[in-house]
Amino acid sequence: MAKDINILVLEEDSESQNAIQMMMDGEGWKVKMLSDTDAAMQELAQGSWALVVATLTLADLASPLFQILKELAQAPPVEEGKSRVRVLFIVTPGDAPTAIPALEESRLPYAMKPYQFNEFMEKVNDLLLQARFVTKTARERGFAYEQRASEAKGKKGKGAGAGNSMFASRDEYYYTEEELAEYEREQEEQRKKKKLTDRPL
């Protein structure tokens, strides 16, 4: 691969750290874990990162750290021929009702806890693809993801597999299919209303 892929993970929960580390290790990416906001600010100022994965339990919506990450996330993925750091926010079920609308309004990428292996890796890969750190879509590499997901679920202990609550199957998502469908209907209605209000007189 032409570029080194260095990933900064801002997460204070050790189980979550293990889950993310397991997923990233399979790609050969270099991962640094931090659980302190001051250290995170220093790394963002000094380090050279392809991606920052930040949980909102550390970078809450009102914090200076979140504002910095938001600016990074909204910057062009490639500027003057150089790749820019991408950001993926992690949302817990408890934060979802307030965090998701705020993130979506600002068009900020996010993933939910507990992690669904393929969904998480697709989002990570797509962000790296935007900044040209990788050259293949997650869909093109889907078999490898599926294989590692199966291996992870089969392992016992060491923070991986069925014993790790950070990994979820699709039926363990925070939202049920009915709730997701209702949410999508509401979003569509809001988009239609916005189009009507934005229409020039």
Protein backbone atom coordinates (compact mmCIF):
# COMPACT_ATOMS: atom_id res chain seq x y z
CA MET A 1 0.00 0.00 0.00
CA ALA A 2 1.34 3.38 -0.97
CA LYS A 3 0.50 5.20 2.24
CA ASP A 4 0.93 4.33 5.89
CA ILE A 5 -2.44 4.20 7.59
CA ASN A 6 -2.21 5.51 11.13
CA ILE A 7 -5.45 5.47 13.12
CA LEU A 8 -6.05 7.32 16.37
CA VAL A 9 -8.78 5.84 18.59
CA LEU A 10 -10.23 8.01 21.34
CA GLU A 11 -11.96 5.55 23.64
CA GLU A 12 -11.91 5.07 27.41
CA ASP A 13 -13.65 1.69 27.60
CA SER A 14 -11.17 -1.21 27.50
CA GLU A 15 -13.66 -3.63 25.94
CA SER A 16 -14.32 -1.20 23.11
CA GLN A 17 -10.58 -0.68 22.67
CA ASN A 18 -10.08 -4.43 22.31
CA ALA A 19 -12.91 -4.70 19.78
CA ILE A 20 -11.54 -1.89 17.60
CA GLN A 21 -7.98 -3.18 17.90
CA MET A 22 -9.08 -6.62 16.73
CA MET A 23 -10.84 -5.17 13.69
CA MET A 24 -7.94 -2.90 12.71
CA ASP A 25 -5.21 -5.51 13.25
CA GLY A 26 -6.61 -7.61 10.43
CA GLU A 27 -5.85 -4.77 7.99
CA GLY A 28 -2.28 -4.18 9.14
CA TRP A 29 -3.15 -0.62 10.15
CA LYS A 30 -1.20 1.14 12.92
CA VAL A 31 -3.52 1.98 15.81
CA LYS A 32 -2.95 4.23 18.83
CA MET A 33 -5.45 4.18 21.69
CA LEU A 34 -6.01 7.20 23.93
CA SER A 35 -8.48 7.67 26.78
CA ASP A 36 -7.55 11.22 27.77
CA THR A 37 -8.86 14.35 26.07
CA ASP A 38 -5.74 16.45 26.70
CA ALA A 39 -3.51 13.78 25.18
CA ALA A 40 -5.94 13.52 22.26
CA MET A 41 -5.67 17.27 21.58
CA GLN A 42 -1.87 17.02 21.57
CA GLU A 43 -1.89 14.07 19.17
CA LEU A 44 -4.25 15.85 16.80
CA ALA A 45 -1.91 18.84 16.74
CA GLN A 46 1.32 16.88 16.35
CA GLY A 47 0.51 13.52 14.75
CA SER A 48 -0.12 12.48 11.17
CA TRP A 49 -3.34 10.48 11.11
CA ALA A 50 -5.38 8.93 8.34
CA LEU A 51 -8.41 8.43 10.58
CA VAL A 52 -9.63 9.36 14.04
CA VAL A 53 -12.26 7.12 15.65
CA ALA A 54 -13.77 9.12 18.51
CA THR A 55 -16.38 8.03 21.00
CA LEU A 56 -18.79 10.75 22.10
CA THR A 57 -18.26 9.71 25.72
CA LEU A 58 -14.86 11.44 25.38
CA ALA A 59 -15.62 13.97 22.65
CA ASP A 60 -19.10 15.03 23.72
CA LEU A 61 -21.02 17.46 21.53
CA ALA A 62 -20.26 20.49 23.71
CA SER A 63 -16.53 19.86 24.12
CA PRO A 64 -13.64 21.70 22.40
CA LEU A 65 -12.37 18.29 21.24
CA PHE A 66 -15.62 17.64 19.38
CA GLN A 67 -15.43 21.04 17.67
CA ILE A 68 -11.90 20.29 16.43
CA LEU A 69 -12.93 16.85 15.18
CA LYS A 70 -16.01 18.33 13.52
CA GLU A 71 -13.85 20.83 11.60
CA LEU A 72 -11.51 18.04 10.52
CA ALA A 73 -14.43 15.86 9.43
CA GLN A 74 -15.99 18.66 7.38
CA ALA A 75 -12.73 19.60 5.62
CA PRO A 76 -12.19 18.25 2.08
CA PRO A 77 -10.79 14.69 2.17
CA VAL A 78 -8.08 15.70 -0.30
CA GLU A 79 -6.75 19.25 -0.50
CA GLU A 80 -3.94 20.53 -2.74
CA GLY A 81 -3.12 16.94 -3.63
CA LYS A 82 -2.67 15.94 0.02
CA SER A 83 -4.88 13.59 2.01
CA ARG A 84 -6.69 14.96 5.04
CA VAL A 85 -7.53 13.10 8.22
CA ARG A 86 -11.03 11.59 8.30
CA VAL A 87 -13.14 11.25 11.46
CA LEU A 88 -15.66 8.61 12.54
CA PHE A 89 -17.74 9.31 15.64
CA ILE A 90 -18.94 6.45 17.85
CA VAL A 91 -22.38 6.74 19.43
CA THR A 92 -23.62 4.73 22.42
CA PRO A 93 -27.31 3.75 22.66
CA GLY A 94 -27.79 6.16 25.57
CA ASP A 95 -26.44 9.11 23.55
CA ALA A 96 -28.25 8.18 20.34
CA PRO A 97 -31.47 10.24 20.75
CA THR A 98 -29.57 13.54 21.00
CA ALA A 99 -26.31 12.70 19.22
CA ILE A 100 -27.64 11.17 15.99
CA PRO A 101 -29.80 14.15 14.93
CA ALA A 102 -26.89 16.54 15.67
CA LEU A 103 -24.39 14.44 13.73
CA GLU A 104 -26.72 13.98 10.78
CA GLU A 105 -27.58 17.67 10.66
CA SER A 106 -23.85 18.42 10.33
CA ARG A 107 -23.37 15.46 7.97
CA LEU A 108 -20.81 13.84 10.24
CA PRO A 109 -20.12 10.10 9.86
CA TYR A 110 -20.88 7.87 12.83
CA ALA A 111 -21.19 4.23 13.89
CA MET A 112 -23.18 2.72 16.72
CA LYS A 113 -22.18 0.62 19.70
CA PRO A 114 -22.23 -2.33 19.99
CA TYR A 115 -20.24 -2.69 16.79
CA GLN A 116 -21.57 -4.67 13.87
CA PHE A 117 -18.34 -5.85 12.27
CA ASN A 118 -19.08 -5.32 8.58
CA GLU A 119 -20.94 -2.05 9.03
CA PHE A 120 -18.10 -0.58 11.09
CA MET A 121 -15.40 -1.72 8.66
CA GLU A 122 -17.36 -0.44 5.66
CA LYS A 123 -17.58 3.03 7.19
CA VAL A 124 -13.90 3.05 8.11
CA ASN A 125 -12.89 1.85 4.65
CA ASP A 126 -15.14 4.38 2.89
CA LEU A 127 -13.62 7.26 4.85
CA LEU A 128 -10.10 6.08 4.00
CA LEU A 129 -11.15 5.72 0.38
CA GLN A 130 -12.36 9.33 0.30
CA ALA A 131 -8.90 10.52 1.30
CA ARG A 132 -7.21 8.00 -1.03
CA PHE A 133 -5.54 6.05 1.74
CA VAL A 134 -7.03 2.87 0.26
CA THR A 135 -7.96 2.07 -3.32
CA LYS A 136 -10.69 -0.57 -2.94
CA THR A 137 -14.19 -0.20 -1.57
CA ALA A 138 -15.29 -2.25 1.40
CA ARG A 139 -17.65 -4.12 -0.92
CA GLU A 140 -14.73 -5.25 -3.06
CA ARG A 141 -13.04 -6.57 0.06
CA GLY A 142 -16.22 -7.91 1.62
CA PHE A 143 -15.18 -11.57 1.71
CA ALA A 144 -12.21 -10.81 3.93
CA TYR A 145 -14.42 -8.86 6.33
CA GLU A 146 -16.97 -11.68 6.50
CA GLN A 147 -14.22 -14.20 7.12
CA ARG A 148 -12.67 -12.19 9.97
CA ALA A 149 -16.09 -11.54 11.47
CA SER A 150 -16.74 -15.28 11.58
CA GLU A 151 -13.33 -15.89 13.12
CA ALA A 152 -13.95 -13.17 15.72
CA LYS A 153 -17.27 -14.70 16.75
CA GLY A 154 -15.62 -18.09 17.05
CA LYS A 155 -12.88 -16.96 19.41
CA LYS A 156 -13.14 -17.27 23.18
CA GLY A 157 -11.83 -14.58 25.51
CA LYS A 158 -9.23 -11.89 24.74
CA GLY A 159 -11.92 -9.37 23.93
CA ALA A 160 -13.19 -11.02 20.76
CA GLY A 161 -16.14 -13.06 19.66
CA ALA A 162 -19.42 -13.94 21.23
CA GLY A 163 -18.18 -13.09 24.72
CA ASN A 164 -17.48 -9.50 23.71
CA SER A 165 -20.55 -7.29 24.03
CA MET A 166 -18.93 -4.75 21.70
CA PHE A 167 -19.76 -7.01 18.77
CA ALA A 168 -23.40 -7.20 17.72
CA SER A 169 -25.28 -9.22 15.21
CA ARG A 170 -27.72 -7.38 12.96
CA ASP A 171 -30.65 -8.30 15.21
CA GLU A 172 -28.91 -6.65 18.18
CA TYR A 173 -28.90 -3.12 16.79
CA TYR A 174 -30.13 -0.35 19.04
CA TYR A 175 -33.04 0.33 16.64
CA THR A 176 -35.50 -2.34 15.54
CA GLU A 177 -36.48 -2.56 11.87
CA GLU A 178 -39.80 -0.89 12.67
CA GLU A 179 -38.04 1.96 14.48
CA LEU A 180 -35.60 2.40 11.61
CA ALA A 181 -38.44 2.45 9.09
CA GLU A 182 -40.29 5.07 11.15
CA TYR A 183 -37.11 7.13 11.49
CA GLU A 184 -36.53 7.00 7.73
CA ARG A 185 -40.13 8.09 7.09
CA GLU A 186 -39.67 11.05 9.42
CA GLN A 187 -36.41 12.00 7.72
CA GLU A 188 -38.08 11.85 4.30
CA GLU A 189 -40.93 14.07 5.49
CA GLN A 190 -38.44 16.58 6.88
CA ARG A 191 -36.53 16.61 3.56
CA LYS A 192 -39.77 17.28 1.66
CA LYS A 193 -40.72 20.10 4.03
CA LYS A 194 -37.25 21.60 3.72
CA LYS A 195 -37.49 21.55 -0.09
CA LEU A 196 -40.79 23.42 0.11
CA THR A 197 -39.45 26.06 2.50
CA ASP A 198 -36.23 26.48 0.48
CA ARG A 199 -38.11 26.94 -2.77
CA PRO A 200 -37.68 30.54 -4.03
CA LEU A 201 -40.80 32.70 -4.06
